[in-house]
Amino acid sequence: MSNAGTKEYVLGTGLDEHARLGLQHRLWSDAAADAWKRAGFGLGSRVLDVGCGPGHAAMDLAQLVGPDGRVVGVDESETFIASFNEQARARGLSQARGVVGDVQAISLRE
């Protein structure tokens, strides 16, 4: 499932990998949420999710920061970012946005 000019992950970006990442997220979500709260993430926070994949954690972060916060997910996979943005729209999380790019080369100025 590779597009011209798109980097492909070793484990792919297909439905099976989406499912694996979803399971991984569910297994670690309590620990991740605890770490985010200890880091001070909360209502109104601005968060950058580097290597966000299809956005499982970013959707949780968007709920944590609320409508006045902001979550930007960056990933090199167009497939994952399309899924990220589709989920954000479906869930009404306008504070979450996925961006295709290499985090070391991207500009996130608004």
N, C-alpha and C. Protein backbone atom coordinates (compact mmCIF):
# COMPACT_ATOMS: atom_id res chain seq x y z
N MET A 1 0.84 -1.19 0.00
CA MET A 1 0.00 0.00 0.00
C MET A 1 0.88 1.24 0.00
N SER A 2 1.64 1.41 -1.05
CA SER A 2 2.58 2.52 -1.11
C SER A 2 2.22 3.45 -2.25
N ASN A 3 2.20 4.74 -1.97
CA ASN A 3 1.97 5.75 -2.99
C ASN A 3 3.32 6.29 -3.44
N ALA A 4 3.40 6.73 -4.68
CA ALA A 4 4.64 7.32 -5.18
C ALA A 4 5.02 8.49 -4.29
N GLY A 5 6.26 8.52 -3.87
CA GLY A 5 6.74 9.61 -3.03
C GLY A 5 6.39 9.45 -1.56
N THR A 6 5.68 8.40 -1.19
CA THR A 6 5.30 8.18 0.19
C THR A 6 6.18 7.11 0.80
N LYS A 7 6.74 7.39 1.96
CA LYS A 7 7.54 6.38 2.65
C LYS A 7 6.64 5.29 3.19
N GLU A 8 7.11 4.05 3.09
CA GLU A 8 6.33 2.91 3.57
C GLU A 8 6.96 2.41 4.86
N TYR A 9 6.12 2.10 5.84
CA TYR A 9 6.57 1.55 7.10
C TYR A 9 6.93 0.08 6.93
N VAL A 10 7.85 -0.41 7.73
CA VAL A 10 8.22 -1.81 7.71
C VAL A 10 6.99 -2.68 7.95
N LEU A 11 6.13 -2.28 8.88
CA LEU A 11 4.93 -3.06 9.20
C LEU A 11 3.73 -2.65 8.34
N GLY A 12 3.92 -1.72 7.41
CA GLY A 12 2.85 -1.32 6.52
C GLY A 12 1.91 -0.29 7.13
N THR A 13 0.92 0.08 6.34
CA THR A 13 -0.08 1.05 6.79
C THR A 13 -1.50 0.56 6.48
N GLY A 14 -1.63 -0.73 6.26
CA GLY A 14 -2.93 -1.30 5.93
C GLY A 14 -3.81 -1.50 7.15
N LEU A 15 -4.97 -2.10 6.91
CA LEU A 15 -5.94 -2.31 7.98
C LEU A 15 -5.40 -3.18 9.10
N ASP A 16 -4.56 -4.16 8.76
CA ASP A 16 -3.99 -5.01 9.81
C ASP A 16 -3.07 -4.20 10.73
N GLU A 17 -2.33 -3.27 10.17
CA GLU A 17 -1.46 -2.42 11.01
C GLU A 17 -2.29 -1.42 11.81
N HIS A 18 -3.35 -0.91 11.25
CA HIS A 18 -4.27 -0.04 12.01
C HIS A 18 -4.80 -0.81 13.22
N ALA A 19 -5.20 -2.05 13.00
CA ALA A 19 -5.72 -2.86 14.11
C ALA A 19 -4.65 -3.13 15.16
N ARG A 20 -3.43 -3.43 14.73
CA ARG A 20 -2.34 -3.67 15.67
C ARG A 20 -2.05 -2.43 16.50
N LEU A 21 -2.00 -1.27 15.84
CA LEU A 21 -1.75 -0.03 16.56
C LEU A 21 -2.90 0.32 17.51
N GLY A 22 -4.12 0.00 17.11
CA GLY A 22 -5.27 0.23 17.99
C GLY A 22 -5.18 -0.62 19.25
N LEU A 23 -4.81 -1.89 19.09
CA LEU A 23 -4.62 -2.77 20.24
C LEU A 23 -3.49 -2.26 21.13
N GLN A 24 -2.38 -1.89 20.52
CA GLN A 24 -1.25 -1.35 21.29
C GLN A 24 -1.68 -0.13 22.08
N HIS A 25 -2.46 0.74 21.44
CA HIS A 25 -2.94 1.95 22.13
C HIS A 25 -3.81 1.59 23.33
N ARG A 26 -4.72 0.65 23.13
CA ARG A 26 -5.59 0.25 24.25
C ARG A 26 -4.78 -0.34 25.40
N LEU A 27 -3.74 -1.08 25.10
CA LEU A 27 -2.92 -1.68 26.16
C LEU A 27 -2.16 -0.63 26.97
N TRP A 28 -1.74 0.45 26.31
CA TRP A 28 -0.92 1.48 26.96
C TRP A 28 -1.69 2.75 27.32
N SER A 29 -2.97 2.84 27.00
CA SER A 29 -3.67 4.12 27.14
C SER A 29 -3.74 4.63 28.58
N ASP A 30 -3.94 3.76 29.56
CA ASP A 30 -3.99 4.24 30.95
C ASP A 30 -2.66 4.83 31.39
N ALA A 31 -1.56 4.15 31.05
CA ALA A 31 -0.23 4.65 31.40
C ALA A 31 0.07 5.95 30.67
N ALA A 32 -0.32 6.03 29.40
CA ALA A 32 -0.09 7.25 28.63
C ALA A 32 -0.88 8.42 29.21
N ALA A 33 -2.15 8.19 29.53
CA ALA A 33 -2.99 9.25 30.09
C ALA A 33 -2.41 9.75 31.41
N ASP A 34 -1.92 8.85 32.23
CA ASP A 34 -1.29 9.25 33.49
C ASP A 34 -0.05 10.11 33.24
N ALA A 35 0.75 9.72 32.28
CA ALA A 35 1.96 10.50 31.94
C ALA A 35 1.58 11.89 31.42
N TRP A 36 0.55 11.97 30.58
CA TRP A 36 0.13 13.27 30.05
C TRP A 36 -0.34 14.18 31.17
N LYS A 37 -1.08 13.64 32.11
CA LYS A 37 -1.56 14.47 33.23
C LYS A 37 -0.40 14.91 34.11
N ARG A 38 0.57 14.01 34.35
CA ARG A 38 1.75 14.40 35.15
C ARG A 38 2.59 15.45 34.43
N ALA A 39 2.56 15.42 33.10
CA ALA A 39 3.29 16.42 32.32
C ALA A 39 2.57 17.76 32.29
N GLY A 40 1.35 17.80 32.81
CA GLY A 40 0.61 19.05 32.86
C GLY A 40 -0.31 19.29 31.68
N PHE A 41 -0.49 18.29 30.82
CA PHE A 41 -1.43 18.46 29.71
C PHE A 41 -2.84 18.51 30.27
N GLY A 42 -3.62 19.45 29.80
CA GLY A 42 -4.99 19.59 30.26
C GLY A 42 -5.74 20.56 29.37
N LEU A 43 -6.85 21.05 29.85
CA LEU A 43 -7.68 21.97 29.07
C LEU A 43 -6.84 23.15 28.57
N GLY A 44 -6.95 23.40 27.27
CA GLY A 44 -6.26 24.53 26.67
C GLY A 44 -4.83 24.26 26.25
N SER A 45 -4.29 23.10 26.55
CA SER A 45 -2.90 22.78 26.18
C SER A 45 -2.75 22.66 24.67
N ARG A 46 -1.52 22.89 24.22
CA ARG A 46 -1.16 22.70 22.81
C ARG A 46 -0.15 21.55 22.78
N VAL A 47 -0.46 20.52 21.99
CA VAL A 47 0.34 19.29 21.99
C VAL A 47 0.74 18.93 20.57
N LEU A 48 2.00 18.54 20.40
CA LEU A 48 2.50 18.01 19.13
C LEU A 48 2.73 16.52 19.31
N ASP A 49 2.06 15.71 18.52
CA ASP A 49 2.19 14.25 18.55
C ASP A 49 3.06 13.83 17.37
N VAL A 50 4.34 13.58 17.66
CA VAL A 50 5.32 13.23 16.63
C VAL A 50 5.24 11.74 16.35
N GLY A 51 5.10 11.38 15.07
CA GLY A 51 4.96 9.98 14.70
C GLY A 51 3.61 9.45 15.15
N CYS A 52 2.56 10.23 14.88
CA CYS A 52 1.22 9.97 15.43
C CYS A 52 0.52 8.77 14.83
N GLY A 53 1.03 8.23 13.72
CA GLY A 53 0.33 7.13 13.08
C GLY A 53 -1.08 7.53 12.72
N PRO A 54 -2.05 6.63 12.86
CA PRO A 54 -3.43 6.95 12.52
C PRO A 54 -4.16 7.81 13.56
N GLY A 55 -3.47 8.18 14.64
CA GLY A 55 -4.03 9.15 15.58
C GLY A 55 -4.73 8.61 16.80
N HIS A 56 -4.50 7.37 17.17
CA HIS A 56 -5.19 6.83 18.35
C HIS A 56 -4.93 7.67 19.59
N ALA A 57 -3.66 7.93 19.89
CA ALA A 57 -3.34 8.74 21.08
C ALA A 57 -3.78 10.19 20.90
N ALA A 58 -3.65 10.70 19.69
CA ALA A 58 -4.03 12.10 19.45
C ALA A 58 -5.51 12.35 19.71
N MET A 59 -6.35 11.36 19.43
CA MET A 59 -7.78 11.53 19.71
C MET A 59 -8.02 11.65 21.22
N ASP A 60 -7.31 10.85 22.00
CA ASP A 60 -7.41 10.96 23.46
C ASP A 60 -6.87 12.31 23.93
N LEU A 61 -5.75 12.73 23.36
CA LEU A 61 -5.17 14.03 23.72
C LEU A 61 -6.13 15.17 23.38
N ALA A 62 -6.81 15.08 22.24
CA ALA A 62 -7.76 16.13 21.84
C ALA A 62 -8.89 16.25 22.84
N GLN A 63 -9.34 15.14 23.38
CA GLN A 63 -10.38 15.19 24.41
C GLN A 63 -9.82 15.80 25.69
N LEU A 64 -8.58 15.48 26.01
CA LEU A 64 -7.94 16.00 27.22
C LEU A 64 -7.75 17.52 27.16
N VAL A 65 -7.34 18.04 26.00
CA VAL A 65 -7.08 19.48 25.89
C VAL A 65 -8.35 20.29 25.65
N GLY A 66 -9.42 19.63 25.23
CA GLY A 66 -10.70 20.30 25.03
C GLY A 66 -10.71 21.21 23.81
N PRO A 67 -11.84 21.85 23.58
CA PRO A 67 -12.01 22.66 22.37
C PRO A 67 -11.12 23.90 22.32
N ASP A 68 -10.61 24.36 23.45
CA ASP A 68 -9.72 25.52 23.45
C ASP A 68 -8.26 25.12 23.31
N GLY A 69 -7.97 23.82 23.31
CA GLY A 69 -6.61 23.32 23.13
C GLY A 69 -6.35 23.02 21.67
N ARG A 70 -5.21 22.41 21.43
CA ARG A 70 -4.81 22.08 20.06
C ARG A 70 -3.92 20.85 20.08
N VAL A 71 -4.19 19.92 19.18
CA VAL A 71 -3.33 18.75 18.99
C VAL A 71 -2.98 18.67 17.51
N VAL A 72 -1.69 18.69 17.22
CA VAL A 72 -1.22 18.52 15.85
C VAL A 72 -0.43 17.22 15.82
N GLY A 73 -0.85 16.31 14.95
CA GLY A 73 -0.14 15.06 14.75
C GLY A 73 0.64 15.12 13.46
N VAL A 74 1.90 14.68 13.51
CA VAL A 74 2.76 14.67 12.33
C VAL A 74 3.20 13.24 12.07
N ASP A 75 3.05 12.81 10.83
CA ASP A 75 3.49 11.48 10.44
C ASP A 75 3.84 11.51 8.96
N GLU A 76 4.76 10.65 8.54
CA GLU A 76 5.17 10.60 7.15
C GLU A 76 4.19 9.81 6.27
N SER A 77 3.28 9.08 6.88
CA SER A 77 2.34 8.25 6.12
C SER A 77 1.08 9.03 5.75
N GLU A 78 0.86 9.20 4.46
CA GLU A 78 -0.36 9.85 3.99
C GLU A 78 -1.59 9.05 4.40
N THR A 79 -1.47 7.71 4.38
CA THR A 79 -2.58 6.84 4.76
C THR A 79 -2.97 7.06 6.20
N PHE A 80 -1.97 7.10 7.09
CA PHE A 80 -2.26 7.31 8.51
C PHE A 80 -2.84 8.69 8.76
N ILE A 81 -2.30 9.71 8.11
CA ILE A 81 -2.81 11.07 8.34
C ILE A 81 -4.23 11.21 7.80
N ALA A 82 -4.54 10.56 6.70
CA ALA A 82 -5.92 10.59 6.19
C ALA A 82 -6.87 9.97 7.22
N SER A 83 -6.45 8.87 7.83
CA SER A 83 -7.26 8.22 8.87
C SER A 83 -7.39 9.14 10.09
N PHE A 84 -6.29 9.75 10.50
CA PHE A 84 -6.28 10.69 11.62
C PHE A 84 -7.33 11.77 11.40
N ASN A 85 -7.25 12.45 10.26
CA ASN A 85 -8.15 13.58 10.00
C ASN A 85 -9.60 13.13 9.85
N GLU A 86 -9.81 11.95 9.28
CA GLU A 86 -11.17 11.41 9.17
C GLU A 86 -11.76 11.15 10.56
N GLN A 87 -10.97 10.57 11.45
CA GLN A 87 -11.44 10.29 12.82
C GLN A 87 -11.72 11.59 13.57
N ALA A 88 -10.86 12.59 13.42
CA ALA A 88 -11.07 13.87 14.09
C ALA A 88 -12.39 14.49 13.64
N ARG A 89 -12.65 14.46 12.33
CA ARG A 89 -13.92 15.00 11.80
C ARG A 89 -15.10 14.21 12.33
N ALA A 90 -15.01 12.88 12.27
CA ALA A 90 -16.12 12.02 12.70
C ALA A 90 -16.45 12.22 14.17
N ARG A 91 -15.45 12.51 14.98
CA ARG A 91 -15.64 12.69 16.42
C ARG A 91 -15.91 14.14 16.82
N GLY A 92 -15.91 15.04 15.85
CA GLY A 92 -16.14 16.45 16.15
C GLY A 92 -15.01 17.09 16.92
N LEU A 93 -13.79 16.62 16.69
CA LEU A 93 -12.62 17.14 17.41
C LEU A 93 -11.87 18.13 16.52
N SER A 94 -12.44 19.32 16.39
CA SER A 94 -11.84 20.33 15.51
C SER A 94 -10.48 20.81 16.04
N GLN A 95 -10.17 20.52 17.28
CA GLN A 95 -8.88 20.91 17.85
C GLN A 95 -7.75 19.96 17.46
N ALA A 96 -8.06 18.90 16.71
CA ALA A 96 -7.05 17.92 16.28
C ALA A 96 -6.84 18.01 14.78
N ARG A 97 -5.58 18.02 14.37
CA ARG A 97 -5.25 18.10 12.94
C ARG A 97 -4.03 17.25 12.67
N GLY A 98 -4.09 16.44 11.63
CA GLY A 98 -2.95 15.64 11.20
C GLY A 98 -2.27 16.28 10.02
N VAL A 99 -0.94 16.22 10.01
CA VAL A 99 -0.13 16.82 8.96
C VAL A 99 0.85 15.77 8.44
N VAL A 100 0.91 15.60 7.12
CA VAL A 100 1.88 14.71 6.52
C VAL A 100 3.21 15.42 6.47
N GLY A 101 4.24 14.79 7.00
CA GLY A 101 5.56 15.39 6.88
C GLY A 101 6.59 14.75 7.79
N ASP A 102 7.81 15.11 7.53
CA ASP A 102 8.95 14.72 8.37
C ASP A 102 9.07 15.81 9.43
N VAL A 103 8.88 15.45 10.67
CA VAL A 103 8.86 16.44 11.76
C VAL A 103 10.15 17.26 11.80
N GLN A 104 11.23 16.71 11.28
CA GLN A 104 12.49 17.44 11.30
C GLN A 104 12.56 18.51 10.19
N ALA A 105 11.59 18.48 9.27
CA ALA A 105 11.62 19.41 8.14
C ALA A 105 10.33 20.21 7.98
N ILE A 106 9.38 20.06 8.90
CA ILE A 106 8.07 20.69 8.71
C ILE A 106 7.96 22.01 9.49
N SER A 107 7.22 22.93 8.94
CA SER A 107 6.93 24.18 9.62
C SER A 107 5.47 24.14 10.06
N LEU A 108 5.22 24.37 11.34
CA LEU A 108 3.85 24.32 11.88
C LEU A 108 3.35 25.70 12.24
N ARG A 109 3.86 26.71 11.61
CA ARG A 109 3.38 28.07 11.88
C ARG A 109 1.93 28.20 11.46
N GLU A 110 1.20 28.97 12.20
CA GLU A 110 -0.23 29.19 11.87
C GLU A 110 -0.41 30.53 11.22
